[in-house]
Amino acid sequence: MGDVVRFKRPKASDKHKGKTLCRSNFHKWEVLTENRFDVKQGRLVTIERCARCGETRSRRT
């Protein structure tokens, strides 16, 4: 007969780790260096991505 293997369920804190701040609009923005020029607006644009959740935003410079 085989051995019984116990599987460990993830805790709720491990499952949602790092996402609670982003839900409260406290993102951790990092600047992306590609695509600095927006052709439609004709302006320089800074694109930022959140390190935790991956949401992106753009800012005009």
PDB file of N, CA and C in Angstrom:
ATOM      1  N   MET A   1       0.844  -1.175   0.000  1.00  0.00           N
ATOM      2  CA  MET A   1       0.000   0.000   0.000  1.00  0.00           C
ATOM      3  C   MET A   1       0.891   1.242   0.000  1.00  0.00           C
ATOM      4  N   GLY A   2       0.473   2.311  -0.682  1.00  0.00           N
ATOM      5  CA  GLY A   2       1.271   3.532  -0.825  1.00  0.00           C
ATOM      6  C   GLY A   2       1.183   4.445   0.389  1.00  0.00           C
ATOM      7  N   ASP A   3       2.058   5.388   0.401  1.00  0.00           N
ATOM      8  CA  ASP A   3       2.081   6.371   1.489  1.00  0.00           C
ATOM      9  C   ASP A   3       1.029   7.447   1.239  1.00  0.00           C
ATOM     10  N   VAL A   4       0.472   7.971   2.311  1.00  0.00           N
ATOM     11  CA  VAL A   4      -0.505   9.034   2.228  1.00  0.00           C
ATOM     12  C   VAL A   4       0.234  10.369   2.197  1.00  0.00           C
ATOM     13  N   VAL A   5      -0.037  11.162   1.177  1.00  0.00           N
ATOM     14  CA  VAL A   5       0.606  12.453   1.031  1.00  0.00           C
ATOM     15  C   VAL A   5      -0.387  13.541   1.424  1.00  0.00           C
ATOM     16  N   ARG A   6       0.016  14.381   2.373  1.00  0.00           N
ATOM     17  CA  ARG A   6      -0.843  15.475   2.812  1.00  0.00           C
ATOM     18  C   ARG A   6      -0.527  16.713   1.984  1.00  0.00           C
ATOM     19  N   PHE A   7      -1.546  17.323   1.428  1.00  0.00           N
ATOM     20  CA  PHE A   7      -1.377  18.550   0.670  1.00  0.00           C
ATOM     21  C   PHE A   7      -1.661  19.737   1.576  1.00  0.00           C
ATOM     22  N   LYS A   8      -0.823  20.749   1.464  1.00  0.00           N
ATOM     23  CA  LYS A   8      -0.954  21.938   2.293  1.00  0.00           C
ATOM     24  C   LYS A   8      -1.777  22.989   1.553  1.00  0.00           C
ATOM     25  N   ARG A   9      -2.864  23.420   2.139  1.00  0.00           N
ATOM     26  CA  ARG A   9      -3.693  24.458   1.547  1.00  0.00           C
ATOM     27  C   ARG A   9      -3.037  25.817   1.794  1.00  0.00           C
ATOM     28  N   PRO A  10      -3.104  26.713   0.809  1.00  0.00           N
ATOM     29  CA  PRO A  10      -2.518  28.036   1.030  1.00  0.00           C
ATOM     30  C   PRO A  10      -3.369  28.842   2.008  1.00  0.00           C
ATOM     31  N   LYS A  11      -2.698  29.578   2.869  1.00  0.00           N
ATOM     32  CA  LYS A  11      -3.402  30.447   3.803  1.00  0.00           C
ATOM     33  C   LYS A  11      -3.980  31.632   3.040  1.00  0.00           C
ATOM     34  N   ALA A  12      -4.964  32.252   3.615  1.00  0.00           N
ATOM     35  CA  ALA A  12      -5.559  33.422   2.972  1.00  0.00           C
ATOM     36  C   ALA A  12      -4.546  34.560   2.880  1.00  0.00           C
ATOM     37  N   SER A  13      -3.672  34.672   3.885  1.00  0.00           N
ATOM     38  CA  SER A  13      -2.666  35.735   3.852  1.00  0.00           C
ATOM     39  C   SER A  13      -1.638  35.495   2.752  1.00  0.00           C
ATOM     40  N   ASP A  14      -1.303  34.228   2.473  1.00  0.00           N
ATOM     41  CA  ASP A  14      -0.370  33.920   1.387  1.00  0.00           C
ATOM     42  C   ASP A  14      -1.020  34.096   0.015  1.00  0.00           C
ATOM     43  N   LYS A  15      -2.307  33.808  -0.056  1.00  0.00           N
ATOM     44  CA  LYS A  15      -3.024  33.886  -1.323  1.00  0.00           C
ATOM     45  C   LYS A  15      -3.167  35.327  -1.801  1.00  0.00           C
ATOM     46  N   HIS A  16      -3.394  36.261  -0.875  1.00  0.00           N
ATOM     47  CA  HIS A  16      -3.636  37.655  -1.228  1.00  0.00           C
ATOM     48  C   HIS A  16      -2.451  38.558  -0.870  1.00  0.00           C
ATOM     49  N   LYS A  17      -1.285  37.982  -0.731  1.00  0.00           N
ATOM     50  CA  LYS A  17      -0.118  38.748  -0.291  1.00  0.00           C
ATOM     51  C   LYS A  17       0.243  39.821  -1.317  1.00  0.00           C
ATOM     52  N   GLY A  18       0.370  41.064  -0.851  1.00  0.00           N
ATOM     53  CA  GLY A  18       0.767  42.171  -1.695  1.00  0.00           C
ATOM     54  C   GLY A  18      -0.354  42.819  -2.484  1.00  0.00           C
ATOM     55  N   LYS A  19      -1.559  42.304  -2.429  1.00  0.00           N
ATOM     56  CA  LYS A  19      -2.648  42.860  -3.216  1.00  0.00           C
ATOM     57  C   LYS A  19      -3.544  43.795  -2.410  1.00  0.00           C
ATOM     58  N   THR A  20      -3.469  43.747  -1.083  1.00  0.00           N
ATOM     59  CA  THR A  20      -4.354  44.573  -0.277  1.00  0.00           C
ATOM     60  C   THR A  20      -3.988  46.049  -0.391  1.00  0.00           C
ATOM     61  N   LEU A  21      -2.696  46.360  -0.529  1.00  0.00           N
ATOM     62  CA  LEU A  21      -2.300  47.753  -0.697  1.00  0.00           C
ATOM     63  C   LEU A  21      -2.797  48.299  -2.024  1.00  0.00           C
ATOM     64  N   CYS A  22      -2.734  47.487  -3.070  1.00  0.00           N
ATOM     65  CA  CYS A  22      -3.177  47.935  -4.384  1.00  0.00           C
ATOM     66  C   CYS A  22      -4.689  48.166  -4.424  1.00  0.00           C
ATOM     67  N   ARG A  23      -5.431  47.394  -3.685  1.00  0.00           N
ATOM     68  CA  ARG A  23      -6.875  47.613  -3.628  1.00  0.00           C
ATOM     69  C   ARG A  23      -7.216  48.950  -2.979  1.00  0.00           C
ATOM     70  N   SER A  24      -6.336  49.406  -2.086  1.00  0.00           N
ATOM     71  CA  SER A  24      -6.542  50.688  -1.418  1.00  0.00           C
ATOM     72  C   SER A  24      -5.849  51.834  -2.148  1.00  0.00           C
ATOM     73  N   ASN A  25      -5.453  51.600  -3.401  1.00  0.00           N
ATOM     74  CA  ASN A  25      -4.790  52.577  -4.271  1.00  0.00           C
ATOM     75  C   ASN A  25      -3.429  53.017  -3.749  1.00  0.00           C
ATOM     76  N   PHE A  26      -2.698  52.104  -3.115  1.00  0.00           N
ATOM     77  CA  PHE A  26      -1.315  52.340  -2.722  1.00  0.00           C
ATOM     78  C   PHE A  26      -0.434  51.426  -3.570  1.00  0.00           C
ATOM     79  N   HIS A  27      -0.347  51.758  -4.862  1.00  0.00           N
ATOM     80  CA  HIS A  27       0.427  50.949  -5.791  1.00  0.00           C
ATOM     81  C   HIS A  27       1.919  51.233  -5.622  1.00  0.00           C
ATOM     82  N   LYS A  28       2.717  50.316  -6.119  1.00  0.00           N
ATOM     83  CA  LYS A  28       4.173  50.479  -6.106  1.00  0.00           C
ATOM     84  C   LYS A  28       4.595  50.675  -7.556  1.00  0.00           C
ATOM     85  N   TRP A  29       4.613  51.930  -8.021  1.00  0.00           N
ATOM     86  CA  TRP A  29       4.835  52.246  -9.425  1.00  0.00           C
ATOM     87  C   TRP A  29       6.307  52.164  -9.779  1.00  0.00           C
ATOM     88  N   GLU A  30       6.596  51.537 -10.930  1.00  0.00           N
ATOM     89  CA  GLU A  30       7.933  51.469 -11.503  1.00  0.00           C
ATOM     90  C   GLU A  30       7.853  51.952 -12.944  1.00  0.00           C
ATOM     91  N   VAL A  31       8.839  52.715 -13.371  1.00  0.00           N
ATOM     92  CA  VAL A  31       8.834  53.317 -14.699  1.00  0.00           C
ATOM     93  C   VAL A  31       9.303  52.300 -15.733  1.00  0.00           C
ATOM     94  N   LEU A  32       8.533  52.185 -16.844  1.00  0.00           N
ATOM     95  CA  LEU A  32       8.943  51.357 -17.974  1.00  0.00           C
ATOM     96  C   LEU A  32       9.661  52.243 -18.972  1.00  0.00           C
ATOM     97  N   THR A  33      10.765  51.761 -19.522  1.00  0.00           N
ATOM     98  CA  THR A  33      11.581  52.616 -20.380  1.00  0.00           C
ATOM     99  C   THR A  33      11.202  52.531 -21.850  1.00  0.00           C
ATOM    100  N   GLU A  34      10.506  51.517 -22.311  1.00  0.00           N
ATOM    101  CA  GLU A  34      10.131  51.441 -23.725  1.00  0.00           C
ATOM    102  C   GLU A  34       8.860  52.258 -23.981  1.00  0.00           C
ATOM    103  N   ASN A  35       8.646  52.618 -25.238  1.00  0.00           N
ATOM    104  CA  ASN A  35       7.487  53.410 -25.679  1.00  0.00           C
ATOM    105  C   ASN A  35       7.379  54.744 -24.943  1.00  0.00           C
ATOM    106  N   ARG A  36       8.324  55.623 -25.191  1.00  0.00           N
ATOM    107  CA  ARG A  36       8.314  56.916 -24.522  1.00  0.00           C
ATOM    108  C   ARG A  36       7.538  57.980 -25.281  1.00  0.00           C
ATOM    109  N   PHE A  37       7.256  57.744 -26.545  1.00  0.00           N
ATOM    110  CA  PHE A  37       6.603  58.772 -27.366  1.00  0.00           C
ATOM    111  C   PHE A  37       5.243  58.282 -27.823  1.00  0.00           C
ATOM    112  N   ASP A  38       4.211  59.054 -27.554  1.00  0.00           N
ATOM    113  CA  ASP A  38       2.861  58.728 -27.990  1.00  0.00           C
ATOM    114  C   ASP A  38       2.602  59.427 -29.317  1.00  0.00           C
ATOM    115  N   VAL A  39       2.309  58.656 -30.352  1.00  0.00           N
ATOM    116  CA  VAL A  39       2.147  59.204 -31.697  1.00  0.00           C
ATOM    117  C   VAL A  39       0.852  60.004 -31.814  1.00  0.00           C
ATOM    118  N   LYS A  40      -0.212  59.544 -31.194  1.00  0.00           N
ATOM    119  CA  LYS A  40      -1.502  60.225 -31.324  1.00  0.00           C
ATOM    120  C   LYS A  40      -1.488  61.586 -30.643  1.00  0.00           C
ATOM    121  N   GLN A  41      -0.898  61.658 -29.456  1.00  0.00           N
ATOM    122  CA  GLN A  41      -0.854  62.930 -28.742  1.00  0.00           C
ATOM    123  C   GLN A  41       0.320  63.791 -29.182  1.00  0.00           C
ATOM    124  N   GLY A  42       1.363  63.176 -29.719  1.00  0.00           N
ATOM    125  CA  GLY A  42       2.543  63.918 -30.129  1.00  0.00           C
ATOM    126  C   GLY A  42       3.353  64.428 -28.966  1.00  0.00           C
ATOM    127  N   ARG A  43       3.354  63.687 -27.859  1.00  0.00           N
ATOM    128  CA  ARG A  43       4.041  64.110 -26.640  1.00  0.00           C
ATOM    129  C   ARG A  43       4.867  62.966 -26.076  1.00  0.00           C
ATOM    130  N   LEU A  44       5.796  63.336 -25.208  1.00  0.00           N
ATOM    131  CA  LEU A  44       6.515  62.321 -24.447  1.00  0.00           C
ATOM    132  C   LEU A  44       5.612  61.819 -23.333  1.00  0.00           C
ATOM    133  N   VAL A  45       5.601  60.506 -23.134  1.00  0.00           N
ATOM    134  CA  VAL A  45       4.725  59.892 -22.138  1.00  0.00           C
ATOM    135  C   VAL A  45       5.545  58.935 -21.285  1.00  0.00           C
ATOM    136  N   THR A  46       5.359  58.994 -19.982  1.00  0.00           N
ATOM    137  CA  THR A  46       5.987  58.055 -19.063  1.00  0.00           C
ATOM    138  C   THR A  46       4.969  56.975 -18.725  1.00  0.00           C
ATOM    139  N   ILE A  47       5.316  55.738 -18.977  1.00  0.00           N
ATOM    140  CA  ILE A  47       4.438  54.613 -18.658  1.00  0.00           C
ATOM    141  C   ILE A  47       4.962  53.937 -17.405  1.00  0.00           C
ATOM    142  N   GLU A  48       4.057  53.731 -16.442  1.00  0.00           N
ATOM    143  CA  GLU A  48       4.428  53.120 -15.172  1.00  0.00           C
ATOM    144  C   GLU A  48       3.609  51.859 -14.956  1.00  0.00           C
ATOM    145  N   ARG A  49       4.221  50.856 -14.337  1.00  0.00           N
ATOM    146  CA  ARG A  49       3.549  49.590 -14.028  1.00  0.00           C
ATOM    147  C   ARG A  49       3.731  49.291 -12.548  1.00  0.00           C
ATOM    148  N   CYS A  50       2.675  48.801 -11.916  1.00  0.00           N
ATOM    149  CA  CYS A  50       2.734  48.436 -10.507  1.00  0.00           C
ATOM    150  C   CYS A  50       3.503  47.124 -10.371  1.00  0.00           C
ATOM    151  N   ALA A  51       4.438  47.087  -9.428  1.00  0.00           N
ATOM    152  CA  ALA A  51       5.256  45.895  -9.229  1.00  0.00           C
ATOM    153  C   ALA A  51       4.462  44.768  -8.584  1.00  0.00           C
ATOM    154  N   ARG A  52       3.401  45.091  -7.863  1.00  0.00           N
ATOM    155  CA  ARG A  52       2.629  44.059  -7.171  1.00  0.00           C
ATOM    156  C   ARG A  52       1.532  43.453  -8.032  1.00  0.00           C
ATOM    157  N   CYS A  53       0.676  44.314  -8.621  1.00  0.00           N
ATOM    158  CA  CYS A  53      -0.510  43.791  -9.312  1.00  0.00           C
ATOM    159  C   CYS A  53      -0.399  43.848 -10.834  1.00  0.00           C
ATOM    160  N   GLY A  54       0.544  44.627 -11.381  1.00  0.00           N
ATOM    161  CA  GLY A  54       0.728  44.683 -12.821  1.00  0.00           C
ATOM    162  C   GLY A  54      -0.123  45.718 -13.534  1.00  0.00           C
ATOM    163  N   GLU A  55      -0.844  46.552 -12.813  1.00  0.00           N
ATOM    164  CA  GLU A  55      -1.659  47.601 -13.436  1.00  0.00           C
ATOM    165  C   GLU A  55      -0.737  48.668 -14.027  1.00  0.00           C
ATOM    166  N   THR A  56      -1.159  49.254 -15.148  1.00  0.00           N
ATOM    167  CA  THR A  56      -0.330  50.260 -15.802  1.00  0.00           C
ATOM    168  C   THR A  56      -1.049  51.606 -15.817  1.00  0.00           C
ATOM    169  N   ARG A  57      -0.254  52.677 -15.861  1.00  0.00           N
ATOM    170  CA  ARG A  57      -0.782  54.027 -16.015  1.00  0.00           C
ATOM    171  C   ARG A  57       0.215  54.822 -16.832  1.00  0.00           C
ATOM    172  N   SER A  58      -0.257  55.889 -17.434  1.00  0.00           N
ATOM    173  CA  SER A  58       0.618  56.732 -18.245  1.00  0.00           C
ATOM    174  C   SER A  58       0.511  58.165 -17.743  1.00  0.00           C
ATOM    175  N   ARG A  59       1.652  58.847 -17.821  1.00  0.00           N
ATOM    176  CA  ARG A  59       1.711  60.241 -17.406  1.00  0.00           C
ATOM    177  C   ARG A  59       2.414  61.039 -18.474  1.00  0.00           C
ATOM    178  N   ARG A  60       1.919  62.240 -18.744  1.00  0.00           N
ATOM    179  CA  ARG A  60       2.583  63.135 -19.689  1.00  0.00           C
ATOM    180  C   ARG A  60       3.728  63.828 -18.993  1.00  0.00           C
ATOM    181  N   THR A  61       4.828  63.989 -19.712  1.00  0.00           N
ATOM    182  CA  THR A  61       5.980  64.693 -19.124  1.00  0.00           C
ATOM    183  C   THR A  61       6.171  66.029 -19.780  1.00  0.00           C
TER     184      THR A  61
END
